[in-house]
Amino acid sequence: MLDVLTKHLTDSPTTCAAGSWVKTLSSEEQEAFAKLKENNQKVNVAALYKDLQPLPFGMTVFRSHLRGYCPCR
């Protein structure tokens, strides 16, 4: 059992798909996204996600990243 637990500790992703996508943006866009993330409770995530289409990941990944629930924390 220890080998399985250890594997999941060492193989855990440190960046989600949304985090990887943010890294591809220009520095100005990354700064704007960071501000959105800081004030994420004021953001209508579904509307933002729709406006940014097409994105290479789903709504759940996007919401998790924006709200800070993903591995990127």
Protein backbone atom coordinates (compact mmCIF):
# COMPACT_ATOMS: atom_id res chain seq x y z
CA MET A 1 0.00 0.00 0.00
CA LEU A 2 2.86 2.38 0.78
CA ASP A 3 4.09 2.21 -2.81
CA VAL A 4 0.66 3.33 -4.09
CA LEU A 5 0.48 6.21 -1.62
CA THR A 6 4.04 7.28 -2.42
CA LYS A 7 3.34 7.11 -6.15
CA HIS A 8 0.43 9.53 -5.77
CA LEU A 9 2.57 11.91 -3.73
CA THR A 10 5.34 12.00 -6.32
CA ASP A 11 3.16 11.88 -9.44
CA SER A 12 0.67 14.54 -8.36
CA PRO A 13 0.32 17.31 -10.93
CA THR A 14 1.47 20.76 -9.86
CA THR A 15 -0.40 22.61 -12.60
CA CYS A 16 -3.86 22.06 -14.00
CA ALA A 17 -4.85 22.52 -17.65
CA ALA A 18 -6.14 26.04 -16.95
CA GLY A 19 -2.90 26.97 -15.19
CA SER A 20 -0.90 25.71 -18.15
CA TRP A 21 -3.12 27.75 -20.48
CA VAL A 22 -2.65 30.91 -18.40
CA LYS A 23 1.13 30.53 -18.79
CA THR A 24 0.70 30.81 -22.58
CA LEU A 25 -0.96 34.24 -22.30
CA SER A 26 0.87 37.54 -22.65
CA SER A 27 2.13 39.12 -19.43
CA GLU A 28 -0.67 41.71 -19.54
CA GLU A 29 -3.29 38.98 -19.95
CA GLN A 30 -1.72 36.96 -17.13
CA GLU A 31 -1.88 40.01 -14.86
CA ALA A 32 -5.55 40.59 -15.74
CA PHE A 33 -6.33 36.92 -15.09
CA ALA A 34 -4.51 37.10 -11.75
CA LYS A 35 -6.69 40.08 -10.76
CA LEU A 36 -9.79 38.12 -11.73
CA LYS A 37 -8.56 35.22 -9.64
CA GLU A 38 -7.94 37.50 -6.63
CA ASN A 39 -11.52 38.81 -6.87
CA ASN A 40 -13.07 35.56 -8.10
CA GLN A 41 -16.18 35.83 -5.93
CA LYS A 42 -17.30 38.81 -8.01
CA VAL A 43 -16.82 36.92 -11.29
CA ASN A 44 -19.60 35.12 -13.13
CA VAL A 45 -17.47 32.13 -14.03
CA ALA A 46 -19.92 30.64 -16.52
CA ALA A 47 -20.17 33.91 -18.46
CA LEU A 48 -16.40 34.42 -18.44
CA TYR A 49 -15.82 30.84 -19.58
CA LYS A 50 -18.32 31.30 -22.42
CA ASP A 51 -16.74 34.60 -23.49
CA LEU A 52 -13.26 33.03 -23.63
CA GLN A 53 -14.26 30.17 -25.93
CA PRO A 54 -12.70 28.19 -27.43
CA LEU A 55 -10.65 26.94 -24.48
CA PRO A 56 -8.73 23.64 -24.38
CA PHE A 57 -10.42 22.47 -21.14
CA GLY A 58 -13.84 22.23 -19.60
CA MET A 59 -15.82 24.48 -17.33
CA THR A 60 -15.06 22.47 -14.19
CA VAL A 61 -11.30 22.84 -14.67
CA PHE A 62 -11.72 26.54 -15.35
CA ARG A 63 -13.89 27.09 -12.27
CA SER A 64 -11.56 25.06 -10.07
CA HIS A 65 -8.57 27.11 -11.20
CA LEU A 66 -10.32 30.46 -10.85
CA ARG A 67 -11.61 29.58 -7.38
CA GLY A 68 -8.25 28.15 -6.27
CA TYR A 69 -9.31 24.52 -5.82
CA CYS A 70 -6.93 23.03 -8.39
CA PRO A 71 -3.36 21.69 -7.92
CA CYS A 72 -1.94 25.13 -8.87
CA ARG A 73 -2.83 26.65 -5.49
